[in-house]
Full PDB file with SEQRES, HELIX, SHEET, SSBOND, CRYST1, ORIGX, SCALE, CONECT and MASTER records, all heavy atoms in Angstrom:
SEQRES   1 A   43  GLY VAL GLY ASP LEU ALA GLY ILE THR GLU ARG LEU PRO          
SEQRES   2 A   43  TYR VAL ALA ALA LEU GLY VAL ASP ALA ILE TRP ILE SER          
SEQRES   3 A   43  PRO PHE PHE THR SER PRO MET LYS ASP PHE GLY TYR ASP          
SEQRES   4 A   43  VAL SER ASP TYR                                              
HELIX    1 AA1 LEU A    5  GLU A   10  1                                   6    
HELIX    2 AA2 LEU A   12  LEU A   18  1                                   7    
CRYST1    1.000    1.000    1.000  90.00  90.00  90.00 P 1           1          
ORIGX1      1.000000  0.000000  0.000000        0.00000                         
ORIGX2      0.000000  1.000000  0.000000        0.00000                         
ORIGX3      0.000000  0.000000  1.000000        0.00000                         
SCALE1      1.000000  0.000000  0.000000        0.00000                         
SCALE2      0.000000  1.000000  0.000000        0.00000                         
SCALE3      0.000000  0.000000  1.000000        0.00000                         
ATOM      1  N   GLY A   1     -13.008   6.209   2.369  1.00  0.00           N  
ATOM      2  CA  GLY A   1     -12.642   5.940   3.601  1.00  0.00           C  
ATOM      3  C   GLY A   1     -11.426   4.970   3.736  1.00  0.00           C  
ATOM      4  O   GLY A   1     -11.014   4.760   4.862  1.00  0.00           O  
ATOM      5  N   VAL A   2     -11.040   4.399   2.624  1.00  0.00           N  
ATOM      6  CA  VAL A   2      -9.950   3.518   2.625  1.00  0.00           C  
ATOM      7  C   VAL A   2      -8.726   4.046   1.797  1.00  0.00           C  
ATOM      8  O   VAL A   2      -9.037   4.548   0.606  1.00  0.00           O  
ATOM      9  CB  VAL A   2     -10.337   2.143   1.963  1.00  0.00           C  
ATOM     10  CG1 VAL A   2      -9.315   1.143   1.792  1.00  0.00           C  
ATOM     11  CG2 VAL A   2     -11.553   1.509   2.760  1.00  0.00           C  
ATOM     12  N   GLY A   3      -7.560   3.891   2.398  1.00  0.00           N  
ATOM     13  CA  GLY A   3      -6.390   4.526   1.721  1.00  0.00           C  
ATOM     14  C   GLY A   3      -6.219   3.598   0.315  1.00  0.00           C  
ATOM     15  O   GLY A   3      -6.814   2.589   0.090  1.00  0.00           O  
ATOM     16  N   ASP A   4      -5.457   4.290  -0.667  1.00  0.00           N  
ATOM     17  CA  ASP A   4      -5.387   3.673  -1.947  1.00  0.00           C  
ATOM     18  C   ASP A   4      -3.881   3.975  -2.511  1.00  0.00           C  
ATOM     19  O   ASP A   4      -3.139   4.658  -1.943  1.00  0.00           O  
ATOM     20  CB  ASP A   4      -6.402   4.186  -2.909  1.00  0.00           C  
ATOM     21  CG  ASP A   4      -6.589   5.614  -2.862  1.00  0.00           C  
ATOM     22  OD1 ASP A   4      -5.711   6.408  -2.779  1.00  0.00           O  
ATOM     23  OD2 ASP A   4      -7.872   6.114  -2.767  1.00  0.00           O  
ATOM     24  N   LEU A   5      -3.574   3.384  -3.590  1.00  0.00           N  
ATOM     25  CA  LEU A   5      -2.250   3.503  -4.218  1.00  0.00           C  
ATOM     26  C   LEU A   5      -2.084   4.945  -4.624  1.00  0.00           C  
ATOM     27  O   LEU A   5      -0.866   5.448  -4.537  1.00  0.00           O  
ATOM     28  CB  LEU A   5      -2.106   2.473  -5.439  1.00  0.00           C  
ATOM     29  CG  LEU A   5      -2.106   1.017  -5.053  1.00  0.00           C  
ATOM     30  CD1 LEU A   5      -1.988   0.242  -6.344  1.00  0.00           C  
ATOM     31  CD2 LEU A   5      -1.059   0.629  -4.152  1.00  0.00           C  
ATOM     32  N   ALA A   6      -3.061   5.606  -5.191  1.00  0.00           N  
ATOM     33  CA  ALA A   6      -2.831   7.014  -5.676  1.00  0.00           C  
ATOM     34  C   ALA A   6      -2.561   7.797  -4.481  1.00  0.00           C  
ATOM     35  O   ALA A   6      -1.850   8.754  -4.599  1.00  0.00           O  
ATOM     36  CB  ALA A   6      -4.193   7.652  -6.375  1.00  0.00           C  
ATOM     37  N   GLY A   7      -3.010   7.559  -3.207  1.00  0.00           N  
ATOM     38  CA  GLY A   7      -2.844   8.266  -1.890  1.00  0.00           C  
ATOM     39  C   GLY A   7      -1.287   8.046  -1.628  1.00  0.00           C  
ATOM     40  O   GLY A   7      -0.640   9.060  -1.179  1.00  0.00           O  
ATOM     41  N   ILE A   8      -0.817   6.862  -1.723  1.00  0.00           N  
ATOM     42  CA  ILE A   8       0.572   6.652  -1.475  1.00  0.00           C  
ATOM     43  C   ILE A   8       1.568   7.412  -2.422  1.00  0.00           C  
ATOM     44  O   ILE A   8       2.365   8.194  -2.026  1.00  0.00           O  
ATOM     45  CB  ILE A   8       0.886   5.203  -1.593  1.00  0.00           C  
ATOM     46  CG1 ILE A   8       0.185   4.296  -0.579  1.00  0.00           C  
ATOM     47  CG2 ILE A   8       2.380   4.898  -1.509  1.00  0.00           C  
ATOM     48  CD1 ILE A   8       0.459   2.823  -0.742  1.00  0.00           C  
ATOM     49  N   THR A   9       1.122   7.486  -3.688  1.00  0.00           N  
ATOM     50  CA  THR A   9       1.886   8.347  -4.650  1.00  0.00           C  
ATOM     51  C   THR A   9       1.770   9.694  -4.270  1.00  0.00           C  
ATOM     52  O   THR A   9       2.879  10.518  -4.354  1.00  0.00           O  
ATOM     53  CB  THR A   9       1.240   8.015  -6.082  1.00  0.00           C  
ATOM     54  OG1 THR A   9       1.298   6.663  -6.422  1.00  0.00           O  
ATOM     55  CG2 THR A   9       2.106   8.821  -7.200  1.00  0.00           C  
ATOM     56  N   GLU A  10       0.732  10.198  -3.737  1.00  0.00           N  
ATOM     57  CA  GLU A  10       0.553  11.683  -3.588  1.00  0.00           C  
ATOM     58  C   GLU A  10       1.490  12.017  -2.318  1.00  0.00           C  
ATOM     59  O   GLU A  10       2.001  13.115  -2.246  1.00  0.00           O  
ATOM     60  CB  GLU A  10      -0.978  11.861  -3.099  1.00  0.00           C  
ATOM     61  CG  GLU A  10      -1.195  13.287  -2.630  1.00  0.00           C  
ATOM     62  CD  GLU A  10      -2.628  13.416  -2.199  1.00  0.00           C  
ATOM     63  OE1 GLU A  10      -3.525  13.040  -3.058  1.00  0.00           O  
ATOM     64  OE2 GLU A  10      -2.903  14.045  -1.136  1.00  0.00           O  
ATOM     65  N   ARG A  11       1.596  11.004  -1.462  1.00  0.00           N  
ATOM     66  CA  ARG A  11       2.542  11.397  -0.240  1.00  0.00           C  
ATOM     67  C   ARG A  11       3.951  10.868  -0.303  1.00  0.00           C  
ATOM     68  O   ARG A  11       4.725  10.962   0.600  1.00  0.00           O  
ATOM     69  CB  ARG A  11       1.951  10.522   1.003  1.00  0.00           C  
ATOM     70  CG  ARG A  11       0.471  11.017   1.444  1.00  0.00           C  
ATOM     71  CD  ARG A  11       0.443  12.504   1.808  1.00  0.00           C  
ATOM     72  NE  ARG A  11      -0.872  12.889   2.338  1.00  0.00           N  
ATOM     73  CZ  ARG A  11      -1.149  14.035   2.825  1.00  0.00           C  
ATOM     74  NH1 ARG A  11      -0.169  14.919   2.871  1.00  0.00           N  
ATOM     75  NH2 ARG A  11      -2.272  14.426   3.290  1.00  0.00           N  
ATOM     76  N   LEU A  12       4.303  10.410  -1.472  1.00  0.00           N  
ATOM     77  CA  LEU A  12       5.748   9.961  -1.683  1.00  0.00           C  
ATOM     78  C   LEU A  12       6.851  11.088  -1.447  1.00  0.00           C  
ATOM     79  O   LEU A  12       7.810  10.802  -0.840  1.00  0.00           O  
ATOM     80  CB  LEU A  12       6.013   9.410  -3.037  1.00  0.00           C  
ATOM     81  CG  LEU A  12       5.440   7.899  -3.245  1.00  0.00           C  
ATOM     82  CD1 LEU A  12       5.595   7.470  -4.693  1.00  0.00           C  
ATOM     83  CD2 LEU A  12       6.265   6.880  -2.270  1.00  0.00           C  
ATOM     84  N   PRO A  13       6.470  12.263  -1.749  1.00  0.00           N  
ATOM     85  CA  PRO A  13       7.575  13.381  -1.365  1.00  0.00           C  
ATOM     86  C   PRO A  13       7.801  13.305   0.047  1.00  0.00           C  
ATOM     87  O   PRO A  13       8.936  13.570   0.517  1.00  0.00           O  
ATOM     88  CB  PRO A  13       6.951  14.652  -1.781  1.00  0.00           C  
ATOM     89  CG  PRO A  13       6.105  14.180  -3.070  1.00  0.00           C  
ATOM     90  CD  PRO A  13       5.545  12.907  -2.632  1.00  0.00           C  
ATOM     91  N   TYR A  14       6.842  13.208   0.983  1.00  0.00           N  
ATOM     92  CA  TYR A  14       6.988  13.093   2.430  1.00  0.00           C  
ATOM     93  C   TYR A  14       7.913  12.046   2.742  1.00  0.00           C  
ATOM     94  O   TYR A  14       8.807  12.062   3.527  1.00  0.00           O  
ATOM     95  CB  TYR A  14       5.583  13.005   3.102  1.00  0.00           C  
ATOM     96  CG  TYR A  14       5.700  12.573   4.601  1.00  0.00           C  
ATOM     97  CD1 TYR A  14       6.064  13.610   5.495  1.00  0.00           C  
ATOM     98  CD2 TYR A  14       5.577  11.330   4.868  1.00  0.00           C  
ATOM     99  CE1 TYR A  14       6.135  13.191   6.908  1.00  0.00           C  
ATOM    100  CE2 TYR A  14       5.672  10.830   6.283  1.00  0.00           C  
ATOM    101  CZ  TYR A  14       5.987  11.810   7.178  1.00  0.00           C  
ATOM    102  OH  TYR A  14       5.990  11.447   8.516  1.00  0.00           O  
ATOM    103  N   VAL A  15       7.610  10.919   2.109  1.00  0.00           N  
ATOM    104  CA  VAL A  15       8.424   9.567   2.497  1.00  0.00           C  
ATOM    105  C   VAL A  15       9.899   9.825   1.811  1.00  0.00           C  
ATOM    106  O   VAL A  15      10.879   9.496   2.638  1.00  0.00           O  
ATOM    107  CB  VAL A  15       7.890   8.341   1.689  1.00  0.00           C  
ATOM    108  CG1 VAL A  15       8.717   7.180   1.923  1.00  0.00           C  
ATOM    109  CG2 VAL A  15       6.351   8.112   2.135  1.00  0.00           C  
ATOM    110  N   ALA A  16      10.082  10.420   0.759  1.00  0.00           N  
ATOM    111  CA  ALA A  16      11.507  10.616   0.364  1.00  0.00           C  
ATOM    112  C   ALA A  16      12.142  11.777   1.231  1.00  0.00           C  
ATOM    113  O   ALA A  16      13.383  11.528   1.350  1.00  0.00           O  
ATOM    114  CB  ALA A  16      11.357  11.164  -1.098  1.00  0.00           C  
ATOM    115  N   ALA A  17      11.474  12.508   1.847  1.00  0.00           N  
ATOM    116  CA  ALA A  17      12.041  13.489   2.716  1.00  0.00           C  
ATOM    117  C   ALA A  17      12.630  12.969   3.965  1.00  0.00           C  
ATOM    118  O   ALA A  17      13.490  13.463   4.693  1.00  0.00           O  
ATOM    119  CB  ALA A  17      11.024  14.635   2.965  1.00  0.00           C  
ATOM    120  N   LEU A  18      11.985  11.739   4.343  1.00  0.00           N  
ATOM    121  CA  LEU A  18      12.495  11.041   5.427  1.00  0.00           C  
ATOM    122  C   LEU A  18      14.009  10.616   5.259  1.00  0.00           C  
ATOM    123  O   LEU A  18      14.821  10.447   6.228  1.00  0.00           O  
ATOM    124  CB  LEU A  18      11.641   9.824   5.788  1.00  0.00           C  
ATOM    125  CG  LEU A  18      10.321  10.066   6.531  1.00  0.00           C  
ATOM    126  CD1 LEU A  18       9.541   8.847   6.656  1.00  0.00           C  
ATOM    127  CD2 LEU A  18      10.479  10.759   7.928  1.00  0.00           C  
ATOM    128  N   GLY A  19      14.187  10.235   3.954  1.00  0.00           N  
ATOM    129  CA  GLY A  19      15.534   9.820   3.531  1.00  0.00           C  
ATOM    130  C   GLY A  19      15.653   8.309   3.586  1.00  0.00           C  
ATOM    131  O   GLY A  19      16.747   7.715   3.389  1.00  0.00           O  
ATOM    132  N   VAL A  20      14.552   7.446   3.605  1.00  0.00           N  
ATOM    133  CA  VAL A  20      14.678   6.012   3.604  1.00  0.00           C  
ATOM    134  C   VAL A  20      15.101   5.524   2.283  1.00  0.00           C  
ATOM    135  O   VAL A  20      14.983   6.206   1.316  1.00  0.00           O  
ATOM    136  CB  VAL A  20      13.332   5.411   4.033  1.00  0.00           C  
ATOM    137  CG1 VAL A  20      12.887   5.872   5.435  1.00  0.00           C  
ATOM    138  CG2 VAL A  20      12.063   5.847   3.052  1.00  0.00           C  
ATOM    139  N   ASP A  21      15.540   4.288   2.257  1.00  0.00           N  
ATOM    140  CA  ASP A  21      15.879   3.714   1.100  1.00  0.00           C  
ATOM    141  C   ASP A  21      14.764   3.181   0.157  1.00  0.00           C  
ATOM    142  O   ASP A  21      14.838   3.083  -1.079  1.00  0.00           O  
ATOM    143  CB  ASP A  21      16.918   2.492   1.321  1.00  0.00           C  
ATOM    144  CG  ASP A  21      18.256   3.015   1.822  1.00  0.00           C  
ATOM    145  OD1 ASP A  21      19.040   3.446   1.092  1.00  0.00           O  
ATOM    146  OD2 ASP A  21      18.286   2.912   3.143  1.00  0.00           O  
ATOM    147  N   ALA A  22      13.771   2.610   0.998  1.00  0.00           N  
ATOM    148  CA  ALA A  22      12.688   1.819   0.173  1.00  0.00           C  
ATOM    149  C   ALA A  22      11.372   1.929   0.990  1.00  0.00           C  
ATOM    150  O   ALA A  22      11.472   2.198   2.110  1.00  0.00           O  
ATOM    151  CB  ALA A  22      13.164   0.416   0.004  1.00  0.00           C  
ATOM    152  N   ILE A  23      10.262   1.755   0.293  1.00  0.00           N  
ATOM    153  CA  ILE A  23       9.049   1.446   0.972  1.00  0.00           C  
ATOM    154  C   ILE A  23       8.596   0.055   0.798  1.00  0.00           C  
ATOM    155  O   ILE A  23       9.052  -0.504  -0.231  1.00  0.00           O  
ATOM    156  CB  ILE A  23       7.784   2.399   0.482  1.00  0.00           C  
ATOM    157  CG1 ILE A  23       7.683   2.195  -1.118  1.00  0.00           C  
ATOM    158  CG2 ILE A  23       8.125   3.898   0.832  1.00  0.00           C  
ATOM    159  CD1 ILE A  23       6.501   2.949  -1.600  1.00  0.00           C  
ATOM    160  N   TRP A  24       8.005  -0.461   1.847  1.00  0.00           N  
ATOM    161  CA  TRP A  24       7.345  -1.834   1.732  1.00  0.00           C  
ATOM    162  C   TRP A  24       5.747  -1.524   1.793  1.00  0.00           C  
ATOM    163  O   TRP A  24       5.420  -0.909   2.855  1.00  0.00           O  
ATOM    164  CB  TRP A  24       7.825  -2.722   2.881  1.00  0.00           C  
ATOM    165  CG  TRP A  24       6.960  -3.793   3.456  1.00  0.00           C  
ATOM    166  CD1 TRP A  24       5.762  -4.345   2.788  1.00  0.00           C  
ATOM    167  CD2 TRP A  24       6.928  -4.259   4.787  1.00  0.00           C  
ATOM    168  NE1 TRP A  24       5.125  -5.117   3.649  1.00  0.00           N  
ATOM    169  CE2 TRP A  24       5.799  -5.118   4.870  1.00  0.00           C  
ATOM    170  CE3 TRP A  24       7.623  -3.998   5.822  1.00  0.00           C  
ATOM    171  CZ2 TRP A  24       5.448  -5.834   6.070  1.00  0.00           C  
ATOM    172  CZ3 TRP A  24       7.378  -4.733   7.004  1.00  0.00           C  
ATOM    173  CH2 TRP A  24       6.394  -5.608   7.189  1.00  0.00           C  
ATOM    174  N   ILE A  25       5.145  -2.017   0.818  1.00  0.00           N  
ATOM    175  CA  ILE A  25       3.660  -1.780   0.726  1.00  0.00           C  
ATOM    176  C   ILE A  25       3.056  -2.994   1.174  1.00  0.00           C  
ATOM    177  O   ILE A  25       3.218  -4.160   0.533  1.00  0.00           O  
ATOM    178  CB  ILE A  25       3.208  -1.296  -0.692  1.00  0.00           C  
ATOM    179  CG1 ILE A  25       4.031  -0.117  -1.035  1.00  0.00           C  
ATOM    180  CG2 ILE A  25       1.698  -0.991  -0.567  1.00  0.00           C  
ATOM    181  CD1 ILE A  25       3.570   0.399  -2.409  1.00  0.00           C  
ATOM    182  N   SER A  26       2.238  -3.085   2.197  1.00  0.00           N  
ATOM    183  CA  SER A  26       1.403  -4.304   2.573  1.00  0.00           C  
ATOM    184  C   SER A  26       0.389  -4.637   1.440  1.00  0.00           C  
ATOM    185  O   SER A  26       0.200  -3.745   0.570  1.00  0.00           O  
ATOM    186  CB  SER A  26       0.714  -3.983   3.894  1.00  0.00           C  
ATOM    187  OG  SER A  26       1.694  -3.897   4.899  1.00  0.00           O  
ATOM    188  N   PRO A  27      -0.172  -5.835   1.473  1.00  0.00           N  
ATOM    189  CA  PRO A  27      -0.803  -6.369   0.329  1.00  0.00           C  
ATOM    190  C   PRO A  27      -2.019  -5.455  -0.241  1.00  0.00           C  
ATOM    191  O   PRO A  27      -2.729  -4.846   0.509  1.00  0.00           O  
ATOM    192  CB  PRO A  27      -1.443  -7.686   0.835  1.00  0.00           C  
ATOM    193  CG  PRO A  27      -0.441  -8.144   1.819  1.00  0.00           C  
ATOM    194  CD  PRO A  27       0.053  -6.893   2.573  1.00  0.00           C  
ATOM    195  N   PHE A  28      -2.018  -5.293  -1.575  1.00  0.00           N  
ATOM    196  CA  PHE A  28      -3.073  -4.503  -2.149  1.00  0.00           C  
ATOM    197  C   PHE A  28      -3.689  -5.292  -3.375  1.00  0.00           C  
ATOM    198  O   PHE A  28      -4.368  -4.884  -4.217  1.00  0.00           O  
ATOM    199  CB  PHE A  28      -2.404  -3.189  -2.822  1.00  0.00           C  
ATOM    200  CG  PHE A  28      -1.267  -3.490  -3.740  1.00  0.00           C  
ATOM    201  CD1 PHE A  28      -1.308  -3.908  -5.041  1.00  0.00           C  
ATOM    202  CD2 PHE A  28       0.087  -3.396  -3.072  1.00  0.00           C  
ATOM    203  CE1 PHE A  28      -0.167  -4.122  -5.715  1.00  0.00           C  
ATOM    204  CE2 PHE A  28       1.336  -3.746  -3.760  1.00  0.00           C  
ATOM    205  CZ  PHE A  28       1.254  -4.119  -5.147  1.00  0.00           C  
ATOM    206  N   PHE A  29      -3.439  -6.573  -3.414  1.00  0.00           N  
ATOM    207  CA  PHE A  29      -3.893  -7.510  -4.461  1.00  0.00           C  
ATOM    208  C   PHE A  29      -5.403  -7.746  -4.225  1.00  0.00           C  
ATOM    209  O   PHE A  29      -5.956  -7.496  -3.254  1.00  0.00           O  
ATOM    210  CB  PHE A  29      -3.182  -8.914  -4.357  1.00  0.00           C  
ATOM    211  CG  PHE A  29      -1.754  -8.867  -4.151  1.00  0.00           C  
ATOM    212  CD1 PHE A  29      -1.161  -9.243  -2.953  1.00  0.00           C  
ATOM    213  CD2 PHE A  29      -0.837  -8.333  -5.223  1.00  0.00           C  
ATOM    214  CE1 PHE A  29       0.213  -9.011  -2.804  1.00  0.00           C  
ATOM    215  CE2 PHE A  29       0.411  -8.210  -4.997  1.00  0.00           C  
ATOM    216  CZ  PHE A  29       0.972  -8.543  -3.943  1.00  0.00           C  
ATOM    217  N   THR A  30      -6.004  -8.294  -5.330  1.00  0.00           N  
ATOM    218  CA  THR A  30      -7.462  -8.616  -5.212  1.00  0.00           C  
ATOM    219  C   THR A  30      -7.616  -9.572  -4.146  1.00  0.00           C  
ATOM    220  O   THR A  30      -7.089 -10.556  -3.978  1.00  0.00           O  
ATOM    221  CB  THR A  30      -7.868  -9.230  -6.634  1.00  0.00           C  
ATOM    222  OG1 THR A  30      -7.583  -8.313  -7.629  1.00  0.00           O  
ATOM    223  CG2 THR A  30      -9.392  -9.422  -6.649  1.00  0.00           C  
ATOM    224  N   SER A  31      -8.649  -9.210  -3.241  1.00  0.00           N  
ATOM    225  CA  SER A  31      -8.894  -9.914  -2.092  1.00  0.00           C  
ATOM    226  C   SER A  31     -10.289  -9.722  -1.544  1.00  0.00           C  
ATOM    227  O   SER A  31     -10.839  -8.607  -1.727  1.00  0.00           O  
ATOM    228  CB  SER A  31      -7.883  -9.553  -0.971  1.00  0.00           C  
ATOM    229  OG  SER A  31      -8.152  -9.992   0.293  1.00  0.00           O  
ATOM    230  N   PRO A  32     -10.848 -10.828  -1.011  1.00  0.00           N  
ATOM    231  CA  PRO A  32     -12.082 -10.466  -0.171  1.00  0.00           C  
ATOM    232  C   PRO A  32     -12.039  -9.768   1.030  1.00  0.00           C  
ATOM    233  O   PRO A  32     -13.006  -9.366   1.711  1.00  0.00           O  
ATOM    234  CB  PRO A  32     -12.775 -11.973   0.039  1.00  0.00           C  
ATOM    235  CG  PRO A  32     -11.536 -12.772   0.022  1.00  0.00           C  
ATOM    236  CD  PRO A  32     -10.575 -12.193  -1.034  1.00  0.00           C  
ATOM    237  N   MET A  33     -10.803  -9.459   1.538  1.00  0.00           N  
ATOM    238  CA  MET A  33     -10.406  -8.612   2.576  1.00  0.00           C  
ATOM    239  C   MET A  33     -10.785  -9.241   3.962  1.00  0.00           C  
ATOM    240  O   MET A  33     -11.022  -8.487   4.918  1.00  0.00           O  
ATOM    241  CB  MET A  33     -10.951  -7.199   2.394  1.00  0.00           C  
ATOM    242  CG  MET A  33     -10.492  -6.476   1.256  1.00  0.00           C  
ATOM    243  SD  MET A  33      -8.647  -6.178   1.375  1.00  0.00           S  
ATOM    244  CE  MET A  33      -8.143  -5.814  -0.372  1.00  0.00           C  
ATOM    245  N   LYS A  34     -10.988 -10.576   4.054  1.00  0.00           N  
ATOM    246  CA  LYS A  34     -11.315 -11.054   5.343  1.00  0.00           C  
ATOM    247  C   LYS A  34     -10.103 -11.013   6.344  1.00  0.00           C  
ATOM    248  O   LYS A  34     -10.208 -11.001   7.570  1.00  0.00           O  
ATOM    249  CB  LYS A  34     -11.756 -12.584   5.200  1.00  0.00           C  
ATOM    250  CG  LYS A  34     -13.150 -12.640   4.452  1.00  0.00           C  
ATOM    251  CD  LYS A  34     -13.423 -14.100   4.158  1.00  0.00           C  
ATOM    252  CE  LYS A  34     -14.748 -14.221   3.381  1.00  0.00           C  
ATOM    253  NZ  LYS A  34     -15.111 -15.702   3.151  1.00  0.00           N  
ATOM    254  N   ASP A  35      -8.908 -10.968   5.826  1.00  0.00           N  
ATOM    255  CA  ASP A  35      -7.618 -10.614   6.549  1.00  0.00           C  
ATOM    256  C   ASP A  35      -6.936  -9.406   5.921  1.00  0.00           C  
ATOM    257  O   ASP A  35      -5.799  -9.239   6.009  1.00  0.00           O  
ATOM    258  CB  ASP A  35      -6.772 -11.801   6.563  1.00  0.00           C  
ATOM    259  CG  ASP A  35      -5.595 -11.604   7.728  1.00  0.00           C  
ATOM    260  OD1 ASP A  35      -5.775 -10.944   8.564  1.00  0.00           O  
ATOM    261  OD2 ASP A  35      -4.608 -12.279   7.559  1.00  0.00           O  
ATOM    262  N   PHE A  36      -7.742  -8.542   5.352  1.00  0.00           N  
ATOM    263  CA  PHE A  36      -7.295  -7.321   4.877  1.00  0.00           C  
ATOM    264  C   PHE A  36      -6.087  -7.331   3.936  1.00  0.00           C  
ATOM    265  O   PHE A  36      -5.045  -6.592   4.103  1.00  0.00           O  
ATOM    266  CB  PHE A  36      -6.935  -6.377   6.075  1.00  0.00           C  
ATOM    267  CG  PHE A  36      -8.177  -6.192   7.003  1.00  0.00           C  
ATOM    268  CD1 PHE A  36      -8.283  -6.683   8.220  1.00  0.00           C  
ATOM    269  CD2 PHE A  36      -9.249  -5.473   6.548  1.00  0.00           C  
ATOM    270  CE1 PHE A  36      -9.473  -6.565   9.040  1.00  0.00           C  
ATOM    271  CE2 PHE A  36     -10.421  -5.199   7.308  1.00  0.00           C  
ATOM    272  CZ  PHE A  36     -10.446  -5.852   8.526  1.00  0.00           C  
ATOM    273  N   GLY A  37      -6.288  -8.181   3.012  1.00  0.00           N  
ATOM    274  CA  GLY A  37      -5.342  -8.322   1.806  1.00  0.00           C  
ATOM    275  C   GLY A  37      -4.230  -9.489   1.873  1.00  0.00           C  
ATOM    276  O   GLY A  37      -3.746  -9.843   0.964  1.00  0.00           O  
ATOM    277  N   TYR A  38      -4.239 -10.112   3.199  1.00  0.00           N  
ATOM    278  CA  TYR A  38      -3.407 -11.284   3.348  1.00  0.00           C  
ATOM    279  C   TYR A  38      -4.133 -12.488   2.898  1.00  0.00           C  
ATOM    280  O   TYR A  38      -3.549 -13.589   3.130  1.00  0.00           O  
ATOM    281  CB  TYR A  38      -2.853 -11.244   4.697  1.00  0.00           C  
ATOM    282  CG  TYR A  38      -1.757 -10.327   5.003  1.00  0.00           C  
ATOM    283  CD1 TYR A  38      -1.971  -8.990   5.318  1.00  0.00           C  
ATOM    284  CD2 TYR A  38      -0.352 -10.655   4.718  1.00  0.00           C  
ATOM    285  CE1 TYR A  38      -1.036  -7.951   5.651  1.00  0.00           C  
ATOM    286  CE2 TYR A  38       0.626  -9.628   4.818  1.00  0.00           C  
ATOM    287  CZ  TYR A  38       0.284  -8.312   5.272  1.00  0.00           C  
ATOM    288  OH  TYR A  38       1.194  -7.509   5.459  1.00  0.00           O  
ATOM    289  N   ASP A  39      -5.325 -12.361   2.314  1.00  0.00           N  
ATOM    290  CA  ASP A  39      -6.079 -13.462   1.694  1.00  0.00           C  
ATOM    291  C   ASP A  39      -6.204 -13.142   0.182  1.00  0.00           C  
ATOM    292  O   ASP A  39      -7.205 -12.516  -0.079  1.00  0.00           O  
ATOM    293  CB  ASP A  39      -7.346 -13.681   2.453  1.00  0.00           C  
ATOM    294  CG  ASP A  39      -8.215 -12.369   2.648  1.00  0.00           C  
ATOM    295  OD1 ASP A  39      -7.587 -11.249   2.797  1.00  0.00           O  
ATOM    296  OD2 ASP A  39      -9.468 -12.415   2.670  1.00  0.00           O  
ATOM    297  N   VAL A  40      -5.334 -13.577  -0.543  1.00  0.00           N  
ATOM    298  CA  VAL A  40      -5.253 -13.135  -1.961  1.00  0.00           C  
ATOM    299  C   VAL A  40      -6.026 -14.068  -2.904  1.00  0.00           C  
ATOM    300  O   VAL A  40      -5.972 -15.188  -2.824  1.00  0.00           O  
ATOM    301  CB  VAL A  40      -3.765 -13.166  -2.374  1.00  0.00           C  
ATOM    302  CG1 VAL A  40      -3.709 -12.780  -3.820  1.00  0.00           C  
ATOM    303  CG2 VAL A  40      -2.882 -12.213  -1.511  1.00  0.00           C  
ATOM    304  N   SER A  41      -6.936 -13.376  -3.602  1.00  0.00           N  
ATOM    305  CA  SER A  41      -7.749 -14.142  -4.639  1.00  0.00           C  
ATOM    306  C   SER A  41      -7.193 -13.928  -6.050  1.00  0.00           C  
ATOM    307  O   SER A  41      -7.574 -14.726  -7.005  1.00  0.00           O  
ATOM    308  CB  SER A  41      -9.192 -13.662  -4.665  1.00  0.00           C  
ATOM    309  OG  SER A  41      -9.408 -12.273  -4.743  1.00  0.00           O  
ATOM    310  N   ASP A  42      -6.359 -12.957  -6.321  1.00  0.00           N  
ATOM    311  CA  ASP A  42      -5.714 -12.879  -7.700  1.00  0.00           C  
ATOM    312  C   ASP A  42      -4.361 -12.133  -7.230  1.00  0.00           C  
ATOM    313  O   ASP A  42      -4.223 -10.866  -6.918  1.00  0.00           O  
ATOM    314  CB  ASP A  42      -6.499 -11.995  -8.576  1.00  0.00           C  
ATOM    315  CG  ASP A  42      -5.950 -11.926  -9.955  1.00  0.00           C  
ATOM    316  OD1 ASP A  42      -4.706 -12.340 -10.130  1.00  0.00           O  
ATOM    317  OD2 ASP A  42      -6.685 -11.536 -10.868  1.00  0.00           O  
ATOM    318  N   TYR A  43      -3.297 -12.878  -7.519  1.00  0.00           N  
ATOM    319  CA  TYR A  43      -1.887 -12.359  -7.200  1.00  0.00           C  
ATOM    320  C   TYR A  43      -1.410 -11.329  -8.231  1.00  0.00           C  
ATOM    321  O   TYR A  43      -0.421 -10.654  -7.874  1.00  0.00           O  
ATOM    322  CB  TYR A  43      -0.957 -13.452  -7.153  1.00  0.00           C  
ATOM    323  CG  TYR A  43      -0.902 -14.389  -5.845  1.00  0.00           C  
ATOM    324  CD1 TYR A  43      -1.534 -15.653  -5.980  1.00  0.00           C  
ATOM    325  CD2 TYR A  43      -0.320 -14.001  -4.744  1.00  0.00           C  
ATOM    326  CE1 TYR A  43      -1.602 -16.410  -4.742  1.00  0.00           C  
ATOM    327  CE2 TYR A  43      -0.397 -14.777  -3.551  1.00  0.00           C  
ATOM    328  CZ  TYR A  43      -1.030 -15.981  -3.665  1.00  0.00           C  
ATOM    329  OH  TYR A  43      -0.939 -16.824  -2.587  1.00  0.00           O  
TER     330      TYR A  43                                                      
MASTER        0    0    0    2    0    0    0    6  329    1    0    4          
END                                                                             
């Protein structure tokens, strides 16, 4: 029920078809997720 990096990879052809230059991925680092990744416990 939570998105993941493999899911982003799976959808990258869709992103590329938009024509954008880059993606910015919000935090995915190790975290207790009290602020959903913006509280990092291992960078």
